[in-house]
Amino acid sequence: MEHLPFKNYMEDAVAHMMQRLAPQYPDICMCERCRTDMMMIALNNLPPRYVSTHKGDVLKRAEGMEIQYEVEVLTETMRAMQIVGGQPHHGRDEEGI
């Protein structure tokens, strides 16, 4: 049986939320390393939402309209931005040194 491609839609939701919030927080670094750190922190604190093909597109639209869903993504993305903004890792090696 062939499996349809799938992905965790939360990755798109968090990336979109960071893009929306970034202009409001110009002092927070948005380099690739810091953005990746923010994504990982937020995604580790959000439940995954896997979607596939056109069926997934319907799910994405439906979930995008839920207020609680939007609040969770907003809250965790802001929290991740504050954490990384306070201790950015750019310029450090993988061990954080």
PDB file of N, CA and C in Angstrom:
ATOM      1  N   MET A   1       0.846  -1.182   0.000  1.00  0.00           N
ATOM      2  CA  MET A   1       0.000   0.000   0.000  1.00  0.00           C
ATOM      3  C   MET A   1       0.891   1.245   0.000  1.00  0.00           C
ATOM      4  N   GLU A   2       0.584   2.159  -0.883  1.00  0.00           N
ATOM      5  CA  GLU A   2       1.344   3.391  -0.988  1.00  0.00           C
ATOM      6  C   GLU A   2       0.795   4.423  -0.009  1.00  0.00           C
ATOM      7  N   HIS A   3       1.700   5.069   0.723  1.00  0.00           N
ATOM      8  CA  HIS A   3       1.283   6.069   1.702  1.00  0.00           C
ATOM      9  C   HIS A   3       1.310   7.455   1.078  1.00  0.00           C
ATOM     10  N   LEU A   4       0.348   8.246   1.440  1.00  0.00           N
ATOM     11  CA  LEU A   4       0.310   9.625   0.991  1.00  0.00           C
ATOM     12  C   LEU A   4       1.344  10.429   1.777  1.00  0.00           C
ATOM     13  N   PRO A   5       1.897  11.471   1.164  1.00  0.00           N
ATOM     14  CA  PRO A   5       2.838  12.310   1.916  1.00  0.00           C
ATOM     15  C   PRO A   5       2.120  13.009   3.071  1.00  0.00           C
ATOM     16  N   PHE A   6       2.836  13.195   4.160  1.00  0.00           N
ATOM     17  CA  PHE A   6       2.245  13.862   5.316  1.00  0.00           C
ATOM     18  C   PHE A   6       3.276  14.756   5.964  1.00  0.00           C
ATOM     19  N   LYS A   7       2.789  15.661   6.788  1.00  0.00           N
ATOM     20  CA  LYS A   7       3.688  16.550   7.538  1.00  0.00           C
ATOM     21  C   LYS A   7       2.960  17.068   8.766  1.00  0.00           C
ATOM     22  N   ASN A   8       3.738  17.586   9.683  1.00  0.00           N
ATOM     23  CA  ASN A   8       3.188  18.207  10.878  1.00  0.00           C
ATOM     24  C   ASN A   8       2.831  19.654  10.511  1.00  0.00           C
ATOM     25  N   TYR A   9       1.554  19.936  10.395  1.00  0.00           N
ATOM     26  CA  TYR A   9       1.101  21.273  10.009  1.00  0.00           C
ATOM     27  C   TYR A   9       1.533  22.340  11.012  1.00  0.00           C
ATOM     28  N   MET A  10       1.792  21.941  12.248  1.00  0.00           N
ATOM     29  CA  MET A  10       2.206  22.913  13.265  1.00  0.00           C
ATOM     30  C   MET A  10       3.472  23.648  12.841  1.00  0.00           C
ATOM     31  N   GLU A  11       4.325  23.004  12.050  1.00  0.00           N
ATOM     32  CA  GLU A  11       5.530  23.683  11.581  1.00  0.00           C
ATOM     33  C   GLU A  11       5.157  24.919  10.774  1.00  0.00           C
ATOM     34  N   ASP A  12       4.187  24.779   9.888  1.00  0.00           N
ATOM     35  CA  ASP A  12       3.731  25.922   9.094  1.00  0.00           C
ATOM     36  C   ASP A  12       3.045  26.967   9.971  1.00  0.00           C
ATOM     37  N   ALA A  13       2.237  26.507  10.925  1.00  0.00           N
ATOM     38  CA  ALA A  13       1.500  27.431  11.791  1.00  0.00           C
ATOM     39  C   ALA A  13       2.457  28.271  12.639  1.00  0.00           C
ATOM     40  N   VAL A  14       3.483  27.640  13.202  1.00  0.00           N
ATOM     41  CA  VAL A  14       4.450  28.373  14.036  1.00  0.00           C
ATOM     42  C   VAL A  14       5.285  29.311  13.173  1.00  0.00           C
ATOM     43  N   ALA A  15       5.735  28.855  12.015  1.00  0.00           N
ATOM     44  CA  ALA A  15       6.520  29.717  11.125  1.00  0.00           C
ATOM     45  C   ALA A  15       5.713  30.940  10.708  1.00  0.00           C
ATOM     46  N   HIS A  16       4.446  30.731  10.383  1.00  0.00           N
ATOM     47  CA  HIS A  16       3.568  31.845  10.006  1.00  0.00           C
ATOM     48  C   HIS A  16       3.375  32.810  11.178  1.00  0.00           C
ATOM     49  N   MET A  17       3.190  32.271  12.371  1.00  0.00           N
ATOM     50  CA  MET A  17       2.993  33.115  13.548  1.00  0.00           C
ATOM     51  C   MET A  17       4.260  33.921  13.847  1.00  0.00           C
ATOM     52  N   MET A  18       5.430  33.303  13.717  1.00  0.00           N
ATOM     53  CA  MET A  18       6.681  34.041  13.943  1.00  0.00           C
ATOM     54  C   MET A  18       6.816  35.185  12.954  1.00  0.00           C
ATOM     55  N   GLN A  19       6.441  34.926  11.715  1.00  0.00           N
ATOM     56  CA  GLN A  19       6.504  35.961  10.690  1.00  0.00           C
ATOM     57  C   GLN A  19       5.563  37.116  11.026  1.00  0.00           C
ATOM     58  N   ARG A  20       4.372  36.802  11.544  1.00  0.00           N
ATOM     59  CA  ARG A  20       3.410  37.839  11.939  1.00  0.00           C
ATOM     60  C   ARG A  20       3.906  38.643  13.140  1.00  0.00           C
ATOM     61  N   LEU A  21       4.568  37.962  14.090  1.00  0.00           N
ATOM     62  CA  LEU A  21       4.982  38.615  15.325  1.00  0.00           C
ATOM     63  C   LEU A  21       6.306  39.368  15.216  1.00  0.00           C
ATOM     64  N   ALA A  22       7.192  38.963  14.327  1.00  0.00           N
ATOM     65  CA  ALA A  22       8.540  39.535  14.233  1.00  0.00           C
ATOM     66  C   ALA A  22       8.555  41.067  14.156  1.00  0.00           C
ATOM     67  N   PRO A  23       7.707  41.701  13.355  1.00  0.00           N
ATOM     68  CA  PRO A  23       7.754  43.172  13.303  1.00  0.00           C
ATOM     69  C   PRO A  23       7.427  43.849  14.640  1.00  0.00           C
ATOM     70  N   GLN A  24       6.687  43.168  15.492  1.00  0.00           N
ATOM     71  CA  GLN A  24       6.333  43.736  16.788  1.00  0.00           C
ATOM     72  C   GLN A  24       7.475  43.617  17.803  1.00  0.00           C
ATOM     73  N   TYR A  25       8.476  42.785  17.486  1.00  0.00           N
ATOM     74  CA  TYR A  25       9.609  42.556  18.380  1.00  0.00           C
ATOM     75  C   TYR A  25      10.911  42.743  17.614  1.00  0.00           C
ATOM     76  N   PRO A  26      11.214  43.980  17.195  1.00  0.00           N
ATOM     77  CA  PRO A  26      12.402  44.212  16.358  1.00  0.00           C
ATOM     78  C   PRO A  26      13.726  43.920  17.069  1.00  0.00           C
ATOM     79  N   ASP A  27      13.734  43.857  18.396  1.00  0.00           N
ATOM     80  CA  ASP A  27      14.975  43.592  19.125  1.00  0.00           C
ATOM     81  C   ASP A  27      15.313  42.104  19.202  1.00  0.00           C
ATOM     82  N   ILE A  28      14.374  41.239  18.810  1.00  0.00           N
ATOM     83  CA  ILE A  28      14.634  39.799  18.843  1.00  0.00           C
ATOM     84  C   ILE A  28      15.268  39.393  17.526  1.00  0.00           C
ATOM     85  N   CYS A  29      16.413  38.747  17.621  1.00  0.00           N
ATOM     86  CA  CYS A  29      17.148  38.297  16.441  1.00  0.00           C
ATOM     87  C   CYS A  29      16.322  37.263  15.673  1.00  0.00           C
ATOM     88  N   MET A  30      16.284  37.422  14.368  1.00  0.00           N
ATOM     89  CA  MET A  30      15.556  36.485  13.518  1.00  0.00           C
ATOM     90  C   MET A  30      16.496  35.813  12.522  1.00  0.00           C
ATOM     91  N   CYS A  31      17.767  35.640  12.915  1.00  0.00           N
ATOM     92  CA  CYS A  31      18.689  34.909  12.054  1.00  0.00           C
ATOM     93  C   CYS A  31      18.226  33.451  11.963  1.00  0.00           C
ATOM     94  N   GLU A  32      18.779  32.703  11.031  1.00  0.00           N
ATOM     95  CA  GLU A  32      18.327  31.328  10.818  1.00  0.00           C
ATOM     96  C   GLU A  32      18.474  30.472  12.078  1.00  0.00           C
ATOM     97  N   ARG A  33      19.576  30.632  12.788  1.00  0.00           N
ATOM     98  CA  ARG A  33      19.798  29.838  14.009  1.00  0.00           C
ATOM     99  C   ARG A  33      18.753  30.169  15.080  1.00  0.00           C
ATOM    100  N   CYS A  34      18.481  31.439  15.297  1.00  0.00           N
ATOM    101  CA  CYS A  34      17.496  31.843  16.308  1.00  0.00           C
ATOM    102  C   CYS A  34      16.084  31.421  15.908  1.00  0.00           C
ATOM    103  N   ARG A  35      15.738  31.568  14.616  1.00  0.00           N
ATOM    104  CA  ARG A  35      14.422  31.129  14.149  1.00  0.00           C
ATOM    105  C   ARG A  35      14.249  29.621  14.353  1.00  0.00           C
ATOM    106  N   THR A  36      15.310  28.866  14.056  1.00  0.00           N
ATOM    107  CA  THR A  36      15.249  27.412  14.256  1.00  0.00           C
ATOM    108  C   THR A  36      15.056  27.084  15.722  1.00  0.00           C
ATOM    109  N   ASP A  37      15.782  27.755  16.598  1.00  0.00           N
ATOM    110  CA  ASP A  37      15.628  27.521  18.039  1.00  0.00           C
ATOM    111  C   ASP A  37      14.204  27.840  18.493  1.00  0.00           C
ATOM    112  N   MET A  38      13.645  28.947  18.000  1.00  0.00           N
ATOM    113  CA  MET A  38      12.277  29.321  18.365  1.00  0.00           C
ATOM    114  C   MET A  38      11.278  28.273  17.877  1.00  0.00           C
ATOM    115  N   MET A  39      11.470  27.816  16.647  1.00  0.00           N
ATOM    116  CA  MET A  39      10.583  26.788  16.090  1.00  0.00           C
ATOM    117  C   MET A  39      10.621  25.530  16.958  1.00  0.00           C
ATOM    118  N   MET A  40      11.824  25.078  17.311  1.00  0.00           N
ATOM    119  CA  MET A  40      11.948  23.846  18.098  1.00  0.00           C
ATOM    120  C   MET A  40      11.294  23.989  19.470  1.00  0.00           C
ATOM    121  N   ILE A  41      11.502  25.111  20.123  1.00  0.00           N
ATOM    122  CA  ILE A  41      10.905  25.324  21.444  1.00  0.00           C
ATOM    123  C   ILE A  41       9.386  25.319  21.340  1.00  0.00           C
ATOM    124  N   ALA A  42       8.844  26.076  20.412  1.00  0.00           N
ATOM    125  CA  ALA A  42       7.386  26.153  20.260  1.00  0.00           C
ATOM    126  C   ALA A  42       6.800  24.796  19.880  1.00  0.00           C
ATOM    127  N   LEU A  43       7.421  24.109  18.905  1.00  0.00           N
ATOM    128  CA  LEU A  43       6.888  22.824  18.448  1.00  0.00           C
ATOM    129  C   LEU A  43       6.948  21.751  19.527  1.00  0.00           C
ATOM    130  N   ASN A  44       7.947  21.807  20.377  1.00  0.00           N
ATOM    131  CA  ASN A  44       8.035  20.834  21.470  1.00  0.00           C
ATOM    132  C   ASN A  44       6.955  21.048  22.519  1.00  0.00           C
ATOM    133  N   ASN A  45       6.330  22.214  22.507  1.00  0.00           N
ATOM    134  CA  ASN A  45       5.274  22.515  23.478  1.00  0.00           C
ATOM    135  C   ASN A  45       3.874  22.537  22.879  1.00  0.00           C
ATOM    136  N   LEU A  46       3.766  22.167  21.621  1.00  0.00           N
ATOM    137  CA  LEU A  46       2.471  22.120  20.944  1.00  0.00           C
ATOM    138  C   LEU A  46       2.185  20.688  20.490  1.00  0.00           C
ATOM    139  N   PRO A  47       0.924  20.286  20.497  1.00  0.00           N
ATOM    140  CA  PRO A  47       0.605  18.946  19.992  1.00  0.00           C
ATOM    141  C   PRO A  47       0.793  18.913  18.476  1.00  0.00           C
ATOM    142  N   PRO A  48       1.317  17.822  17.935  1.00  0.00           N
ATOM    143  CA  PRO A  48       1.462  17.750  16.483  1.00  0.00           C
ATOM    144  C   PRO A  48       0.098  17.659  15.808  1.00  0.00           C
ATOM    145  N   ARG A  49       0.016  18.186  14.603  1.00  0.00           N
ATOM    146  CA  ARG A  49      -1.202  18.087  13.803  1.00  0.00           C
ATOM    147  C   ARG A  49      -0.768  17.675  12.404  1.00  0.00           C
ATOM    148  N   TYR A  50      -0.818  16.379  12.161  1.00  0.00           N
ATOM    149  CA  TYR A  50      -0.378  15.851  10.878  1.00  0.00           C
ATOM    150  C   TYR A  50      -1.483  15.940   9.842  1.00  0.00           C
ATOM    151  N   VAL A  51      -1.096  16.309   8.621  1.00  0.00           N
ATOM    152  CA  VAL A  51      -2.035  16.426   7.517  1.00  0.00           C
ATOM    153  C   VAL A  51      -1.436  15.751   6.283  1.00  0.00           C
ATOM    154  N   SER A  52      -2.303  15.360   5.350  1.00  0.00           N
ATOM    155  CA  SER A  52      -1.831  14.805   4.083  1.00  0.00           C
ATOM    156  C   SER A  52      -2.748  15.236   2.945  1.00  0.00           C
ATOM    157  N   THR A  53      -2.197  15.425   1.793  1.00  0.00           N
ATOM    158  CA  THR A  53      -2.860  15.783   0.533  1.00  0.00           C
ATOM    159  C   THR A  53      -4.011  16.767   0.694  1.00  0.00           C
ATOM    160  N   HIS A  54      -4.996  16.720  -0.206  1.00  0.00           N
ATOM    161  CA  HIS A  54      -6.090  17.683  -0.196  1.00  0.00           C
ATOM    162  C   HIS A  54      -6.978  17.525   1.035  1.00  0.00           C
ATOM    163  N   LYS A  55      -7.031  16.323   1.595  1.00  0.00           N
ATOM    164  CA  LYS A  55      -7.804  16.126   2.824  1.00  0.00           C
ATOM    165  C   LYS A  55      -7.192  16.979   3.942  1.00  0.00           C
ATOM    166  N   GLY A  56      -5.886  17.031   3.958  1.00  0.00           N
ATOM    167  CA  GLY A  56      -5.177  17.843   4.937  1.00  0.00           C
ATOM    168  C   GLY A  56      -5.443  19.328   4.763  1.00  0.00           C
ATOM    169  N   ASP A  57      -5.621  19.766   3.503  1.00  0.00           N
ATOM    170  CA  ASP A  57      -5.923  21.176   3.264  1.00  0.00           C
ATOM    171  C   ASP A  57      -7.234  21.575   3.929  1.00  0.00           C
ATOM    172  N   VAL A  58      -8.216  20.689   3.888  1.00  0.00           N
ATOM    173  CA  VAL A  58      -9.497  20.946   4.546  1.00  0.00           C
ATOM    174  C   VAL A  58      -9.284  21.047   6.047  1.00  0.00           C
ATOM    175  N   LEU A  59      -8.498  20.127   6.599  1.00  0.00           N
ATOM    176  CA  LEU A  59      -8.216  20.133   8.030  1.00  0.00           C
ATOM    177  C   LEU A  59      -7.497  21.414   8.432  1.00  0.00           C
ATOM    178  N   LYS A  60      -6.526  21.837   7.634  1.00  0.00           N
ATOM    179  CA  LYS A  60      -5.785  23.058   7.938  1.00  0.00           C
ATOM    180  C   LYS A  60      -6.720  24.256   8.018  1.00  0.00           C
ATOM    181  N   ARG A  61      -7.604  24.377   7.045  1.00  0.00           N
ATOM    182  CA  ARG A  61      -8.526  25.516   7.050  1.00  0.00           C
ATOM    183  C   ARG A  61      -9.450  25.477   8.258  1.00  0.00           C
ATOM    184  N   ALA A  62      -9.947  24.308   8.598  1.00  0.00           N
ATOM    185  CA  ALA A  62     -10.858  24.171   9.733  1.00  0.00           C
ATOM    186  C   ALA A  62     -10.144  24.512  11.036  1.00  0.00           C
ATOM    187  N   GLU A  63      -8.938  23.981  11.212  1.00  0.00           N
ATOM    188  CA  GLU A  63      -8.217  24.242  12.451  1.00  0.00           C
ATOM    189  C   GLU A  63      -7.771  25.690  12.542  1.00  0.00           C
ATOM    190  N   GLY A  64      -7.476  26.300  11.395  1.00  0.00           N
ATOM    191  CA  GLY A  64      -7.048  27.682  11.386  1.00  0.00           C
ATOM    192  C   GLY A  64      -8.133  28.624  11.874  1.00  0.00           C
ATOM    193  N   MET A  65      -9.363  28.178  11.872  1.00  0.00           N
ATOM    194  CA  MET A  65     -10.464  29.009  12.317  1.00  0.00           C
ATOM    195  C   MET A  65     -10.765  28.847  13.798  1.00  0.00           C
ATOM    196  N   GLU A  66     -10.214  27.844  14.431  1.00  0.00           N
ATOM    197  CA  GLU A  66     -10.495  27.613  15.842  1.00  0.00           C
ATOM    198  C   GLU A  66      -9.708  28.605  16.699  1.00  0.00           C
ATOM    199  N   ILE A  67     -10.400  29.336  17.528  1.00  0.00           N
ATOM    200  CA  ILE A  67      -9.767  30.342  18.385  1.00  0.00           C
ATOM    201  C   ILE A  67      -8.752  29.701  19.329  1.00  0.00           C
ATOM    202  N   GLN A  68      -9.112  28.606  19.983  1.00  0.00           N
ATOM    203  CA  GLN A  68      -8.212  27.977  20.938  1.00  0.00           C
ATOM    204  C   GLN A  68      -6.926  27.520  20.264  1.00  0.00           C
ATOM    205  N   TYR A  69      -7.056  26.989  19.064  1.00  0.00           N
ATOM    206  CA  TYR A  69      -5.891  26.553  18.292  1.00  0.00           C
ATOM    207  C   TYR A  69      -4.967  27.738  18.036  1.00  0.00           C
ATOM    208  N   GLU A  70      -5.529  28.839  17.595  1.00  0.00           N
ATOM    209  CA  GLU A  70      -4.753  30.042  17.306  1.00  0.00           C
ATOM    210  C   GLU A  70      -4.071  30.578  18.566  1.00  0.00           C
ATOM    211  N   VAL A  71      -4.770  30.548  19.683  1.00  0.00           N
ATOM    212  CA  VAL A  71      -4.222  31.029  20.947  1.00  0.00           C
ATOM    213  C   VAL A  71      -3.041  30.169  21.387  1.00  0.00           C
ATOM    214  N   GLU A  72      -3.156  28.855  21.239  1.00  0.00           N
ATOM    215  CA  GLU A  72      -2.057  27.952  21.614  1.00  0.00           C
ATOM    216  C   GLU A  72      -0.809  28.246  20.792  1.00  0.00           C
ATOM    217  N   VAL A  73      -0.977  28.391  19.490  1.00  0.00           N
ATOM    218  CA  VAL A  73       0.164  28.676  18.613  1.00  0.00           C
ATOM    219  C   VAL A  73       0.761  30.030  18.958  1.00  0.00           C
ATOM    220  N   LEU A  74      -0.068  31.029  19.159  1.00  0.00           N
ATOM    221  CA  LEU A  74       0.398  32.365  19.525  1.00  0.00           C
ATOM    222  C   LEU A  74       1.166  32.335  20.840  1.00  0.00           C
ATOM    223  N   THR A  75       0.595  31.694  21.854  1.00  0.00           N
ATOM    224  CA  THR A  75       1.218  31.645  23.180  1.00  0.00           C
ATOM    225  C   THR A  75       2.586  30.967  23.131  1.00  0.00           C
ATOM    226  N   GLU A  76       2.657  29.818  22.508  1.00  0.00           N
ATOM    227  CA  GLU A  76       3.923  29.075  22.481  1.00  0.00           C
ATOM    228  C   GLU A  76       4.959  29.744  21.592  1.00  0.00           C
ATOM    229  N   THR A  77       4.519  30.390  20.532  1.00  0.00           N
ATOM    230  CA  THR A  77       5.464  31.097  19.665  1.00  0.00           C
ATOM    231  C   THR A  77       6.029  32.313  20.389  1.00  0.00           C
ATOM    232  N   MET A  78       5.189  33.066  21.076  1.00  0.00           N
ATOM    233  CA  MET A  78       5.670  34.224  21.835  1.00  0.00           C
ATOM    234  C   MET A  78       6.620  33.788  22.944  1.00  0.00           C
ATOM    235  N   ARG A  79       6.281  32.707  23.622  1.00  0.00           N
ATOM    236  CA  ARG A  79       7.140  32.194  24.687  1.00  0.00           C
ATOM    237  C   ARG A  79       8.506  31.813  24.126  1.00  0.00           C
ATOM    238  N   ALA A  80       8.518  31.118  22.995  1.00  0.00           N
ATOM    239  CA  ALA A  80       9.779  30.710  22.365  1.00  0.00           C
ATOM    240  C   ALA A  80      10.591  31.937  21.934  1.00  0.00           C
ATOM    241  N   MET A  81       9.923  32.947  21.407  1.00  0.00           N
ATOM    242  CA  MET A  81      10.622  34.164  20.992  1.00  0.00           C
ATOM    243  C   MET A  81      11.246  34.871  22.189  1.00  0.00           C
ATOM    244  N   GLN A  82      10.552  34.893  23.309  1.00  0.00           N
ATOM    245  CA  GLN A  82      11.089  35.529  24.513  1.00  0.00           C
ATOM    246  C   GLN A  82      12.293  34.753  25.049  1.00  0.00           C
ATOM    247  N   ILE A  83      12.211  33.432  25.044  1.00  0.00           N
ATOM    248  CA  ILE A  83      13.315  32.606  25.536  1.00  0.00           C
ATOM    249  C   ILE A  83      14.559  32.819  24.686  1.00  0.00           C
ATOM    250  N   VAL A  84      14.412  32.681  23.380  1.00  0.00           N
ATOM    251  CA  VAL A  84      15.560  32.817  22.478  1.00  0.00           C
ATOM    252  C   VAL A  84      16.029  34.267  22.422  1.00  0.00           C
ATOM    253  N   GLY A  85      15.103  35.210  22.473  1.00  0.00           N
ATOM    254  CA  GLY A  85      15.483  36.619  22.473  1.00  0.00           C
ATOM    255  C   GLY A  85      16.340  36.978  23.671  1.00  0.00           C
ATOM    256  N   GLY A  86      16.092  36.321  24.807  1.00  0.00           N
ATOM    257  CA  GLY A  86      16.867  36.578  26.022  1.00  0.00           C
ATOM    258  C   GLY A  86      18.211  35.882  26.050  1.00  0.00           C
ATOM    259  N   GLN A  87      18.327  34.784  25.300  1.00  0.00           N
ATOM    260  CA  GLN A  87      19.588  34.022  25.258  1.00  0.00           C
ATOM    261  C   GLN A  87      19.812  33.454  23.870  1.00  0.00           C
ATOM    262  N   PRO A  88      20.095  34.310  22.890  1.00  0.00           N
ATOM    263  CA  PRO A  88      20.293  33.811  21.526  1.00  0.00           C
ATOM    264  C   PRO A  88      21.531  32.920  21.440  1.00  0.00           C
ATOM    265  N   HIS A  89      21.468  31.931  20.564  1.00  0.00           N
ATOM    266  CA  HIS A  89      22.589  30.990  20.400  1.00  0.00           C
ATOM    267  C   HIS A  89      23.456  31.293  19.194  1.00  0.00           C
ATOM    268  N   HIS A  90      23.087  32.297  18.408  1.00  0.00           N
ATOM    269  CA  HIS A  90      23.928  32.561  17.242  1.00  0.00           C
ATOM    270  C   HIS A  90      25.327  32.916  17.718  1.00  0.00           C
ATOM    271  N   GLY A  91      26.314  32.446  16.976  1.00  0.00           N
ATOM    272  CA  GLY A  91      27.698  32.681  17.368  1.00  0.00           C
ATOM    273  C   GLY A  91      28.230  31.649  18.338  1.00  0.00           C
ATOM    274  N   ARG A  92      27.414  30.708  18.760  1.00  0.00           N
ATOM    275  CA  ARG A  92      27.859  29.642  19.659  1.00  0.00           C
ATOM    276  C   ARG A  92      27.965  28.335  18.877  1.00  0.00           C
ATOM    277  N   ASP A  93      28.707  27.391  19.408  1.00  0.00           N
ATOM    278  CA  ASP A  93      28.775  26.082  18.753  1.00  0.00           C
ATOM    279  C   ASP A  93      27.591  25.236  19.178  1.00  0.00           C
ATOM    280  N   GLU A  94      27.532  23.991  18.733  1.00  0.00           N
ATOM    281  CA  GLU A  94      26.388  23.122  19.021  1.00  0.00           C
ATOM    282  C   GLU A  94      26.156  22.882  20.498  1.00  0.00           C
ATOM    283  N   GLU A  95      27.198  22.972  21.309  1.00  0.00           N
ATOM    284  CA  GLU A  95      27.047  22.764  22.749  1.00  0.00           C
ATOM    285  C   GLU A  95      26.620  24.035  23.467  1.00  0.00           C
ATOM    286  N   GLY A  96      26.479  25.138  22.706  1.00  0.00           N
ATOM    287  CA  GLY A  96      26.038  26.385  23.302  1.00  0.00           C
ATOM    288  C   GLY A  96      27.145  27.191  23.929  1.00  0.00           C
ATOM    289  N   ILE A  97      28.384  26.888  23.561  1.00  0.00           N
ATOM    290  CA  ILE A  97      29.551  27.579  24.150  1.00  0.00           C
ATOM    291  C   ILE A  97      30.089  28.616  23.192  1.00  0.00           C
TER     292      ILE A  97
END
